[in-house]
Amino acid sequence: MSSVVEQTVDRPPVPARGRRGAAAVLQGVALALGLVLMVGGFTLIAIDYRPYKIPTASMHPTLRAGDTVLARKVGGGDIGRGDVVVFRDQAWGGELMVKRVVAVGGDTVATTGADYRLTVNGQPVDEPYLATQGRQGASFSVTVPQGRLFLLGDNRMGSLDSRTHLEVDDGTVPAEAVEARVEATVLPFGRMGLLDRVTDFDGFAGPKASKPGPLGPLAAAAVAGAALILVTSVVGGVAGLARRLRGRGA
């Protein structure tokens, strides 16, 4: 009877230089990925969005005087009821303004009842974003021409909006006067965040509040990229320091 003798062959240990080379490659890949995410995210935000400073308290509490917001460049045809927009109309003095769209072409917008509640096409609108509930100023009723918008501030008692321009085009603004749709507050840091999409007009026929743009995912990608670069750099620095200390000890 023959026996089989198993032999083992000891493999030489992987040189430390080889391990360091692999770690350096992984670190380079992580840094490159982080750079792509950070630069790509910020670049796309810069292309698609513009910052604006809120000059007055007319949109309080949604937006406060002094806030810096990011607004996505859009055409008037992409605007729906409930959107907060940046616009400029010469009939309103040509100044850049920020208001909320409450009615679009073909709508009849009015305030009715003892509390002057806003109605669109005869249907009352719940407006939880208002600064104060109850009476919101003098009553009115306007049928919005096609291609135009009716805009109000969330602070109805302190806003110069479509109600104060009723003598010109019934207070409406051409849709093409819209420059951008506000999607987030970026300053001050304590108020940083995306604006909630308004759902109060979803039960109405016609254009509703727009869906959020890509600002959230782009900002998340940019922040994740910056974090990846920071963590990779710190880990690489600590590993390099540890190697130098071991070398001195040896």
Protein backbone atom coordinates (compact mmCIF):
# COMPACT_ATOMS: atom_id res chain seq x y z
CA MET A 1 0.00 0.00 0.00
CA SER A 2 1.36 3.34 -0.99
CA SER A 3 0.76 6.49 0.94
CA VAL A 4 0.38 9.93 -0.44
CA VAL A 5 2.43 12.58 1.26
CA GLU A 6 0.99 16.06 0.98
CA GLN A 7 3.50 18.79 0.68
CA THR A 8 2.83 22.42 1.38
CA VAL A 9 4.66 25.21 -0.24
CA ASP A 10 5.07 28.38 1.79
CA ARG A 11 4.30 31.44 -0.26
CA PRO A 12 6.53 34.41 0.24
CA PRO A 13 4.85 37.24 2.14
CA VAL A 14 3.50 40.15 0.13
CA PRO A 15 6.06 42.95 0.28
CA ALA A 16 5.00 45.95 2.31
CA ARG A 17 5.72 48.11 -0.72
CA GLY A 18 3.13 46.13 -2.70
CA ARG A 19 0.50 46.61 -0.02
CA ARG A 20 1.21 50.31 0.10
CA GLY A 21 0.91 50.48 -3.68
CA ALA A 22 -2.54 48.86 -3.61
CA ALA A 23 -3.65 51.19 -0.83
CA ALA A 24 -2.41 54.17 -2.82
CA VAL A 25 -4.44 53.04 -5.85
CA LEU A 26 -7.61 52.68 -3.73
CA GLN A 27 -7.00 56.08 -2.20
CA GLY A 28 -6.58 57.63 -5.64
CA VAL A 29 -9.81 56.04 -6.88
CA ALA A 30 -11.72 57.30 -3.84
CA LEU A 31 -10.34 60.82 -4.26
CA ALA A 32 -11.18 60.84 -7.97
CA LEU A 33 -14.73 59.64 -7.28
CA GLY A 34 -15.20 62.23 -4.57
CA LEU A 35 -13.92 64.97 -6.87
CA VAL A 36 -16.29 63.93 -9.66
CA LEU A 37 -19.29 63.93 -7.30
CA MET A 38 -18.41 67.25 -5.67
CA VAL A 39 -17.47 69.18 -8.81
CA GLY A 40 -20.21 67.60 -10.90
CA GLY A 41 -22.92 68.34 -8.33
CA PHE A 42 -21.88 71.96 -7.81
CA THR A 43 -21.41 72.53 -11.55
CA LEU A 44 -24.87 71.28 -12.46
CA ILE A 45 -26.40 73.35 -9.67
CA ALA A 46 -24.57 76.43 -10.96
CA ILE A 47 -25.84 75.77 -14.51
CA ASP A 48 -29.47 75.15 -13.59
CA TYR A 49 -30.01 77.43 -10.57
CA ARG A 50 -29.50 81.05 -9.60
CA PRO A 51 -29.30 82.66 -6.13
CA TYR A 52 -31.71 85.45 -5.21
CA LYS A 53 -31.97 87.67 -2.13
CA ILE A 54 -35.42 88.11 -0.61
CA PRO A 55 -35.87 91.89 -0.17
CA THR A 56 -39.09 92.09 1.88
CA ALA A 57 -41.28 90.12 4.30
CA SER A 58 -44.10 89.70 1.74
CA MET A 59 -43.52 85.92 1.56
CA HIS A 60 -43.24 85.40 5.32
CA PRO A 61 -43.16 82.80 6.84
CA THR A 62 -42.19 80.69 3.80
CA LEU A 63 -39.39 83.11 2.96
CA ARG A 64 -38.07 85.85 5.22
CA ALA A 65 -36.51 89.20 4.38
CA GLY A 66 -32.77 88.68 3.95
CA ASP A 67 -33.03 84.99 2.99
CA THR A 68 -30.94 83.81 0.04
CA VAL A 69 -32.78 81.28 -2.10
CA LEU A 70 -31.91 79.06 -5.03
CA ALA A 71 -34.33 79.19 -7.95
CA ARG A 72 -34.35 76.97 -11.01
CA LYS A 73 -34.51 78.66 -14.40
CA VAL A 74 -37.86 77.77 -16.02
CA GLY A 75 -40.23 79.14 -18.61
CA GLY A 76 -43.66 80.47 -17.76
CA GLY A 77 -45.27 77.43 -19.38
CA ASP A 78 -43.70 75.18 -16.74
CA ILE A 79 -45.31 77.03 -13.83
CA GLY A 80 -48.32 75.75 -11.91
CA ARG A 81 -50.57 76.93 -9.10
CA GLY A 82 -48.75 76.97 -5.79
CA ASP A 83 -45.27 77.58 -7.22
CA VAL A 84 -43.13 80.34 -5.70
CA VAL A 85 -41.57 82.24 -8.58
CA VAL A 86 -39.09 85.00 -9.31
CA PHE A 87 -40.38 87.45 -11.92
CA ARG A 88 -40.00 90.96 -13.28
CA ASP A 89 -42.86 92.97 -14.75
CA GLN A 90 -42.51 96.55 -15.98
CA ALA A 91 -46.13 97.26 -15.00
CA TRP A 92 -45.08 96.53 -11.40
CA GLY A 93 -42.07 98.85 -11.56
CA GLY A 94 -39.61 96.48 -13.23
CA GLU A 95 -38.21 95.26 -9.91
CA LEU A 96 -37.33 91.61 -9.30
CA MET A 97 -40.07 90.10 -7.12
CA VAL A 98 -40.89 86.78 -5.46
CA LYS A 99 -44.54 85.72 -5.08
CA ARG A 100 -46.73 82.61 -5.13
CA VAL A 101 -48.81 81.70 -8.18
CA VAL A 102 -52.42 81.14 -7.11
CA ALA A 103 -54.15 81.19 -10.50
CA VAL A 104 -53.23 80.64 -14.15
CA GLY A 105 -54.79 81.51 -17.50
CA GLY A 106 -58.51 80.70 -17.58
CA ASP A 107 -58.96 80.62 -13.79
CA THR A 108 -61.36 82.85 -11.90
CA VAL A 109 -59.69 83.79 -8.62
CA ALA A 110 -61.55 85.58 -5.84
CA THR A 111 -61.91 86.07 -2.12
CA THR A 112 -65.34 85.29 -0.73
CA GLY A 113 -67.19 84.83 2.53
CA ALA A 114 -66.88 86.60 5.84
CA ASP A 115 -63.25 85.53 6.19
CA TYR A 116 -62.38 86.49 2.57
CA ARG A 117 -61.10 82.98 1.87
CA LEU A 118 -59.31 82.48 -1.45
CA THR A 119 -61.26 80.57 -4.10
CA VAL A 120 -60.19 79.37 -7.54
CA ASN A 121 -62.96 78.57 -10.00
CA GLY A 122 -65.40 78.66 -7.11
CA GLN A 123 -63.49 76.14 -5.00
CA PRO A 124 -62.02 77.27 -1.67
CA VAL A 125 -58.28 76.78 -1.28
CA ASP A 126 -56.63 75.65 1.95
CA GLU A 127 -53.53 77.78 2.43
CA PRO A 128 -51.57 76.54 5.48
CA TYR A 129 -48.50 78.50 4.33
CA LEU A 130 -50.10 81.89 5.09
CA ALA A 131 -48.61 84.15 7.76
CA THR A 132 -52.04 84.63 9.34
CA GLN A 133 -55.36 82.90 8.79
CA GLY A 134 -58.64 84.77 8.51
CA ARG A 135 -59.30 87.99 6.64
CA GLN A 136 -56.59 88.67 4.05
CA GLY A 137 -57.55 92.11 2.73
CA ALA A 138 -60.26 93.55 0.51
CA SER A 139 -62.37 91.22 -1.63
CA PHE A 140 -61.81 90.88 -5.38
CA SER A 141 -62.73 88.65 -8.31
CA VAL A 142 -60.58 88.29 -11.45
CA THR A 143 -60.67 86.01 -14.47
CA VAL A 144 -57.06 85.47 -15.51
CA PRO A 145 -56.40 85.84 -19.27
CA GLN A 146 -54.60 83.02 -21.06
CA GLY A 147 -50.83 83.25 -20.82
CA ARG A 148 -50.94 85.27 -17.61
CA LEU A 149 -50.62 84.57 -13.87
CA PHE A 150 -52.17 85.89 -10.68
CA LEU A 151 -49.63 86.13 -7.85
CA LEU A 152 -49.97 86.75 -4.11
CA GLY A 153 -47.60 86.95 -1.17
CA ASP A 154 -47.93 84.50 1.73
CA ASN A 155 -48.00 87.51 4.06
CA ARG A 156 -51.28 88.80 2.65
CA MET A 157 -51.49 91.75 5.04
CA GLY A 158 -48.01 92.96 4.07
CA SER A 159 -47.63 92.15 0.38
CA LEU A 160 -47.85 94.38 -2.69
CA ASP A 161 -49.06 91.78 -5.17
CA SER A 162 -51.73 91.24 -7.83
CA ARG A 163 -54.40 92.71 -5.53
CA THR A 164 -52.64 96.10 -5.49
CA HIS A 165 -52.28 96.17 -9.30
CA LEU A 166 -55.87 95.34 -10.26
CA GLU A 167 -56.15 98.52 -12.33
CA VAL A 168 -53.56 97.17 -14.82
CA ASP A 169 -54.44 93.91 -16.58
CA ASP A 170 -56.51 92.91 -13.53
CA GLY A 171 -53.28 92.53 -11.58
CA THR A 172 -52.05 89.66 -13.73
CA VAL A 173 -48.49 89.16 -14.93
CA PRO A 174 -47.42 87.62 -18.26
CA ALA A 175 -46.15 84.07 -17.79
CA GLU A 176 -42.99 84.91 -19.75
CA ALA A 177 -42.08 87.43 -17.03
CA VAL A 178 -41.17 84.49 -14.80
CA GLU A 179 -37.41 83.96 -14.58
CA ALA A 180 -37.17 81.05 -12.13
CA ARG A 181 -38.98 78.85 -9.62
CA VAL A 182 -37.77 78.98 -6.01
CA GLU A 183 -36.81 75.54 -4.67
CA ALA A 184 -34.65 76.07 -1.58
CA THR A 185 -33.36 78.46 1.06
CA VAL A 186 -29.57 78.38 1.38
CA LEU A 187 -28.88 81.28 3.75
CA PRO A 188 -28.91 81.80 6.65
CA PHE A 189 -27.68 78.31 7.52
CA GLY A 190 -30.30 77.89 10.21
CA ARG A 191 -33.04 78.11 7.58
CA MET A 192 -31.32 76.03 4.91
CA GLY A 193 -33.64 73.52 3.26
CA LEU A 194 -35.83 72.63 0.30
CA LEU A 195 -39.24 74.25 -0.06
CA ASP A 196 -42.11 71.84 0.43
CA ARG A 197 -44.20 71.19 -2.65
CA VAL A 198 -47.67 72.69 -2.22
CA THR A 199 -50.46 70.13 -2.61
CA ASP A 200 -53.40 72.45 -1.88
CA PHE A 201 -54.13 72.96 -5.61
CA ASP A 202 -53.83 69.29 -6.62
CA GLY A 203 -57.60 68.80 -6.65
CA PHE A 204 -58.05 71.48 -9.32
CA ALA A 205 -58.06 70.81 -13.04
CA GLY A 206 -55.12 72.25 -14.95
CA PRO A 207 -51.50 72.92 -14.03
CA LYS A 208 -50.54 72.00 -10.48
CA ALA A 209 -47.49 72.87 -8.42
CA SER A 210 -44.35 71.68 -10.18
CA LYS A 211 -42.45 68.61 -9.10
CA PRO A 212 -39.14 69.31 -7.34
CA GLY A 213 -36.14 69.75 -9.62
CA PRO A 214 -32.82 67.92 -9.24
CA LEU A 215 -31.47 70.29 -6.58
CA GLY A 216 -31.81 67.78 -3.73
CA PRO A 217 -29.95 64.88 -5.42
CA LEU A 218 -27.30 67.23 -6.84
CA ALA A 219 -26.63 68.80 -3.45
CA ALA A 220 -26.46 65.36 -1.83
CA ALA A 221 -23.94 64.21 -4.45
CA ALA A 222 -21.78 67.29 -3.94
CA VAL A 223 -21.79 66.90 -0.15
CA ALA A 224 -21.08 63.17 -0.40
CA GLY A 225 -18.16 63.86 -2.73
CA ALA A 226 -16.69 66.45 -0.37
CA ALA A 227 -17.09 64.05 2.57
CA LEU A 228 -15.41 61.24 0.63
CA ILE A 229 -12.45 63.47 -0.23
CA LEU A 230 -12.12 64.57 3.40
CA VAL A 231 -12.34 61.06 4.87
CA THR A 232 -9.96 59.59 2.29
CA SER A 233 -7.42 62.35 2.90
CA VAL A 234 -7.59 61.90 6.66
CA VAL A 235 -7.28 58.11 6.46
CA GLY A 236 -4.37 58.39 4.04
CA GLY A 237 -2.60 60.92 6.26
CA VAL A 238 -3.04 58.78 9.37
CA ALA A 239 -1.79 55.67 7.54
CA GLY A 240 1.28 57.55 6.27
CA LEU A 241 2.07 58.85 9.77
CA ALA A 242 1.75 55.34 11.21
CA ARG A 243 4.21 53.98 8.62
CA ARG A 244 6.73 56.68 9.44
CA LEU A 245 6.44 55.98 13.14
CA ARG A 246 6.93 52.24 12.59
CA GLY A 247 9.97 53.02 10.45
CA ARG A 248 11.53 55.09 13.18
CA GLY A 249 10.83 52.36 15.73
CA ALA A 250 12.49 49.77 13.54
